[in-house]
Structure formats: C-alpha cells, structure tokens
Amino acid sequence: QVQLVESGGGLVQAGGSLRVSCVASGRTFSRCVMGWFRQAPGEEREFVAAISWSGRSTYDADSVKGRFTISKDNAKNTMYLQMNNLKPEDKAVYYCAARRNKVEVPTTPRGYDYWGQGTQVTVSS
C-alpha cells in the first residue's frame, strides 16, 4: 500500500515557476513508477509527466516539454515536478500517482494504482 501527499501548489504569474512535491509512505516507493497528472474544471484528467522506478527514464506530455521536469528521490520517498515558464493553460489541480508494476510507464490514469489528493496550481495572465 502506498499513500501519496502532494504539496507546493499555489498562485503564480504567467512566466513564473513552481515546484510541486509528492511524498509517499510505504516501503515500496523505490520500486514504483510515478506520474503527474492534472485536471482542469470540466476537463478530463490528463497526463503531464512520468518517471521510471529508478528515476533514469522520464516522459513528458508535449504541452509541457521543455518547461516541466519530473524527478524522484528514492531516499526521501519524494517525487517532484519543477514547472517553469508557466502559462495560464497550466492552471489545474495536479495529482501524483504511483504504479506497483515497475515494468511499464503508463501515460493514462488507468495505469496507476494509487493517487494523492491533489494540489491546486493557478497561473494568472
């Protein structure tokens, strides 16, 4: 069982930066594939970024490529999403997710087993 808690969301002006974190409980974090998703009001939850269990491989959505960076610190049971050059369209609730099976790195929500409660990111224009 893995429990996930996000933090670090907030209000930022367009062009600014934020870093959101996801702290995981449980001893299996180091063997989990992790991902970030986001959901705007009235929209479906969409993939943002994912990282392999080792942290060596990362995957980004086209909409955030070159602006967002996902990372994972297994020693701290923590995953990060560094968001730079934020745009108003990045406004959403950001969720972290974990997957027990470490073989694949899914880019759809159904591929993940555990979810955090979400943290709000608001970007003003």
C-alpha atoms as a PDB file:
ATOM      1  CA  GLN A   1       0.000   0.000   0.000  1.00  0.00           C
ATOM      2  CA  VAL A   2       1.272   3.475  -0.901  1.00  0.00           C
ATOM      3  CA  GLN A   3      -0.166   6.763   0.340  1.00  0.00           C
ATOM      4  CA  LEU A   4       0.649   9.951  -1.544  1.00  0.00           C
ATOM      5  CA  VAL A   5       0.501  13.564  -0.360  1.00  0.00           C
ATOM      6  CA  GLU A   6       1.107  16.491  -2.716  1.00  0.00           C
ATOM      7  CA  SER A   7       2.224  19.965  -1.714  1.00  0.00           C
ATOM      8  CA  GLY A   8       3.666  23.106  -3.261  1.00  0.00           C
ATOM      9  CA  GLY A   9       0.812  24.338  -5.375  1.00  0.00           C
ATOM     10  CA  GLY A  10      -0.212  27.981  -5.362  1.00  0.00           C
ATOM     11  CA  LEU A  11      -0.740  31.132  -7.382  1.00  0.00           C
ATOM     12  CA  VAL A  12       1.926  32.357  -9.783  1.00  0.00           C
ATOM     13  CA  GLN A  13       2.064  34.841 -12.627  1.00  0.00           C
ATOM     14  CA  ALA A  14       2.498  33.677 -16.188  1.00  0.00           C
ATOM     15  CA  GLY A  15       6.158  33.046 -16.898  1.00  0.00           C
ATOM     16  CA  GLY A  16       6.850  32.163 -13.290  1.00  0.00           C
ATOM     17  CA  SER A  17       7.894  28.891 -11.657  1.00  0.00           C
ATOM     18  CA  LEU A  18       6.579  26.483  -9.058  1.00  0.00           C
ATOM     19  CA  ARG A  19       7.749  23.143  -7.709  1.00  0.00           C
ATOM     20  CA  VAL A  20       5.191  20.645  -6.516  1.00  0.00           C
ATOM     21  CA  SER A  21       6.188  17.673  -4.387  1.00  0.00           C
ATOM     22  CA  CYS A  22       4.674  14.291  -3.680  1.00  0.00           C
ATOM     23  CA  VAL A  23       5.689  12.440  -0.523  1.00  0.00           C
ATOM     24  CA  ALA A  24       4.934   8.736  -0.409  1.00  0.00           C
ATOM     25  CA  SER A  25       4.517   6.477   2.570  1.00  0.00           C
ATOM     26  CA  GLY A  26       5.322   2.815   2.445  1.00  0.00           C
ATOM     27  CA  ARG A  27       8.452   0.846   1.778  1.00  0.00           C
ATOM     28  CA  THR A  28       7.754   0.142  -1.877  1.00  0.00           C
ATOM     29  CA  PHE A  29       8.214   3.683  -3.188  1.00  0.00           C
ATOM     30  CA  SER A  30      11.607   2.918  -4.698  1.00  0.00           C
ATOM     31  CA  ARG A  31      10.032   0.179  -6.819  1.00  0.00           C
ATOM     32  CA  CYS A  32       7.133   2.330  -8.058  1.00  0.00           C
ATOM     33  CA  VAL A  33       6.678   4.007 -11.385  1.00  0.00           C
ATOM     34  CA  MET A  34       5.402   7.515 -10.637  1.00  0.00           C
ATOM     35  CA  GLY A  35       3.456  10.064 -12.603  1.00  0.00           C
ATOM     36  CA  TRP A  36       1.951  13.534 -12.521  1.00  0.00           C
ATOM     37  CA  PHE A  37      -1.475  14.254 -13.954  1.00  0.00           C
ATOM     38  CA  ARG A  38      -3.609  17.381 -13.936  1.00  0.00           C
ATOM     39  CA  GLN A  39      -7.276  18.168 -14.204  1.00  0.00           C
ATOM     40  CA  ALA A  40      -8.890  21.487 -15.021  1.00  0.00           C
ATOM     41  CA  PRO A  41     -12.571  22.165 -14.259  1.00  0.00           C
ATOM     42  CA  GLY A  42     -14.812  20.402 -16.738  1.00  0.00           C
ATOM     43  CA  GLU A  43     -11.887  18.569 -18.302  1.00  0.00           C
ATOM     44  CA  GLU A  44     -10.634  15.012 -18.126  1.00  0.00           C
ATOM     45  CA  ARG A  45      -7.559  14.169 -16.100  1.00  0.00           C
ATOM     46  CA  GLU A  46      -4.561  14.440 -18.403  1.00  0.00           C
ATOM     47  CA  PHE A  47      -1.026  13.122 -18.358  1.00  0.00           C
ATOM     48  CA  VAL A  48       1.758  15.574 -17.514  1.00  0.00           C
ATOM     49  CA  ALA A  49       4.898  13.531 -16.839  1.00  0.00           C
ATOM     50  CA  ALA A  50       6.067  10.144 -15.622  1.00  0.00           C
ATOM     51  CA  ILE A  51       9.272   8.622 -14.303  1.00  0.00           C
ATOM     52  CA  SER A  52      10.580   5.084 -14.137  1.00  0.00           C
ATOM     53  CA  TRP A  53      11.113   3.342 -10.817  1.00  0.00           C
ATOM     54  CA  SER A  54      14.861   4.021 -10.957  1.00  0.00           C
ATOM     55  CA  GLY A  55      14.427   7.636 -11.997  1.00  0.00           C
ATOM     56  CA  ARG A  56      16.604   7.119 -15.053  1.00  0.00           C
ATOM     57  CA  SER A  57      13.824   7.482 -17.625  1.00  0.00           C
ATOM     58  CA  THR A  58      11.301  10.287 -17.832  1.00  0.00           C
ATOM     59  CA  TYR A  59       8.375  11.004 -20.125  1.00  0.00           C
ATOM     60  CA  ASP A  60       6.678  14.357 -20.720  1.00  0.00           C
ATOM     61  CA  ALA A  61       3.471  15.452 -22.387  1.00  0.00           C
ATOM     62  CA  ASP A  62       4.071  17.591 -25.471  1.00  0.00           C
ATOM     63  CA  SER A  63       2.307  20.511 -23.812  1.00  0.00           C
ATOM     64  CA  VAL A  64       4.919  20.719 -21.039  1.00  0.00           C
ATOM     65  CA  LYS A  65       8.023  19.508 -22.823  1.00  0.00           C
ATOM     66  CA  GLY A  66      10.950  21.834 -22.221  1.00  0.00           C
ATOM     67  CA  ARG A  67       9.149  23.612 -19.362  1.00  0.00           C
ATOM     68  CA  PHE A  68       8.420  20.933 -16.741  1.00  0.00           C
ATOM     69  CA  THR A  69      10.883  18.479 -15.197  1.00  0.00           C
ATOM     70  CA  ILE A  70       9.932  15.391 -13.215  1.00  0.00           C
ATOM     71  CA  SER A  71      12.345  13.853 -10.738  1.00  0.00           C
ATOM     72  CA  LYS A  72      12.322  11.254  -7.974  1.00  0.00           C
ATOM     73  CA  ASP A  73      14.390  10.914  -4.811  1.00  0.00           C
ATOM     74  CA  ASN A  74      14.005   7.360  -3.581  1.00  0.00           C
ATOM     75  CA  ALA A  75      15.967   8.070  -0.409  1.00  0.00           C
ATOM     76  CA  LYS A  76      13.386  10.711   0.559  1.00  0.00           C
ATOM     77  CA  ASN A  77      10.334   8.880  -0.799  1.00  0.00           C
ATOM     78  CA  THR A  78       9.594  12.051  -2.734  1.00  0.00           C
ATOM     79  CA  MET A  79       8.777  12.939  -6.316  1.00  0.00           C
ATOM     80  CA  TYR A  80       8.967  16.456  -7.712  1.00  0.00           C
ATOM     81  CA  LEU A  81       7.593  18.397 -10.647  1.00  0.00           C
ATOM     82  CA  GLN A  82       9.534  21.552 -11.403  1.00  0.00           C
ATOM     83  CA  MET A  83       7.364  23.831 -13.514  1.00  0.00           C
ATOM     84  CA  ASN A  84       8.973  26.750 -15.335  1.00  0.00           C
ATOM     85  CA  ASN A  85       7.576  29.326 -17.744  1.00  0.00           C
ATOM     86  CA  LEU A  86       4.072  28.612 -16.520  1.00  0.00           C
ATOM     87  CA  LYS A  87       1.154  29.536 -18.759  1.00  0.00           C
ATOM     88  CA  PRO A  88      -2.487  30.267 -17.874  1.00  0.00           C
ATOM     89  CA  GLU A  89      -3.457  26.985 -19.550  1.00  0.00           C
ATOM     90  CA  ASP A  90      -1.368  25.121 -16.957  1.00  0.00           C
ATOM     91  CA  LYS A  91      -3.936  26.038 -14.308  1.00  0.00           C
ATOM     92  CA  ALA A  92      -5.340  22.822 -12.836  1.00  0.00           C
ATOM     93  CA  VAL A  93      -5.319  20.517  -9.852  1.00  0.00           C
ATOM     94  CA  TYR A  94      -2.127  18.473 -10.046  1.00  0.00           C
ATOM     95  CA  TYR A  95      -2.199  14.863  -8.864  1.00  0.00           C
ATOM     96  CA  CYS A  96       0.638  12.469  -8.244  1.00  0.00           C
ATOM     97  CA  ALA A  97       0.168   8.795  -8.932  1.00  0.00           C
ATOM     98  CA  ALA A  98       2.053   5.565  -8.281  1.00  0.00           C
ATOM     99  CA  ARG A  99       2.069   2.224 -10.031  1.00  0.00           C
ATOM    100  CA  ARG A 100       3.119  -1.060  -8.390  1.00  0.00           C
ATOM    101  CA  ASN A 101       4.245  -2.760 -11.581  1.00  0.00           C
ATOM    102  CA  LYS A 102       7.581  -1.227 -12.492  1.00  0.00           C
ATOM    103  CA  VAL A 103       7.905  -2.692 -15.957  1.00  0.00           C
ATOM    104  CA  GLU A 104       5.773  -0.188 -17.852  1.00  0.00           C
ATOM    105  CA  VAL A 105       5.470   3.581 -17.553  1.00  0.00           C
ATOM    106  CA  PRO A 106       1.863   4.420 -18.427  1.00  0.00           C
ATOM    107  CA  THR A 107       0.670   7.792 -19.659  1.00  0.00           C
ATOM    108  CA  THR A 108      -3.003   7.217 -18.871  1.00  0.00           C
ATOM    109  CA  PRO A 109      -4.671   7.441 -15.459  1.00  0.00           C
ATOM    110  CA  ARG A 110      -5.894   3.850 -15.569  1.00  0.00           C
ATOM    111  CA  GLY A 111      -2.296   2.669 -15.485  1.00  0.00           C
ATOM    112  CA  TYR A 112      -1.800   3.835 -11.890  1.00  0.00           C
ATOM    113  CA  ASP A 113      -2.845   2.196  -8.642  1.00  0.00           C
ATOM    114  CA  TYR A 114      -2.528   4.980  -6.060  1.00  0.00           C
ATOM    115  CA  TRP A 115      -3.394   8.664  -6.132  1.00  0.00           C
ATOM    116  CA  GLY A 116      -2.832  11.722  -3.984  1.00  0.00           C
ATOM    117  CA  GLN A 117      -5.500  14.242  -3.078  1.00  0.00           C
ATOM    118  CA  GLY A 118      -4.203  16.888  -5.479  1.00  0.00           C
ATOM    119  CA  THR A 119      -2.734  20.371  -5.176  1.00  0.00           C
ATOM    120  CA  GLN A 120      -4.084  23.459  -6.939  1.00  0.00           C
ATOM    121  CA  VAL A 121      -1.877  25.390  -9.350  1.00  0.00           C
ATOM    122  CA  THR A 122      -3.212  28.729 -10.583  1.00  0.00           C
ATOM    123  CA  VAL A 123      -1.463  30.847 -13.196  1.00  0.00           C
ATOM    124  CA  SER A 124      -2.540  34.428 -13.684  1.00  0.00           C
ATOM    125  CA  SER A 125      -2.099  36.176 -17.009  1.00  0.00           C
END
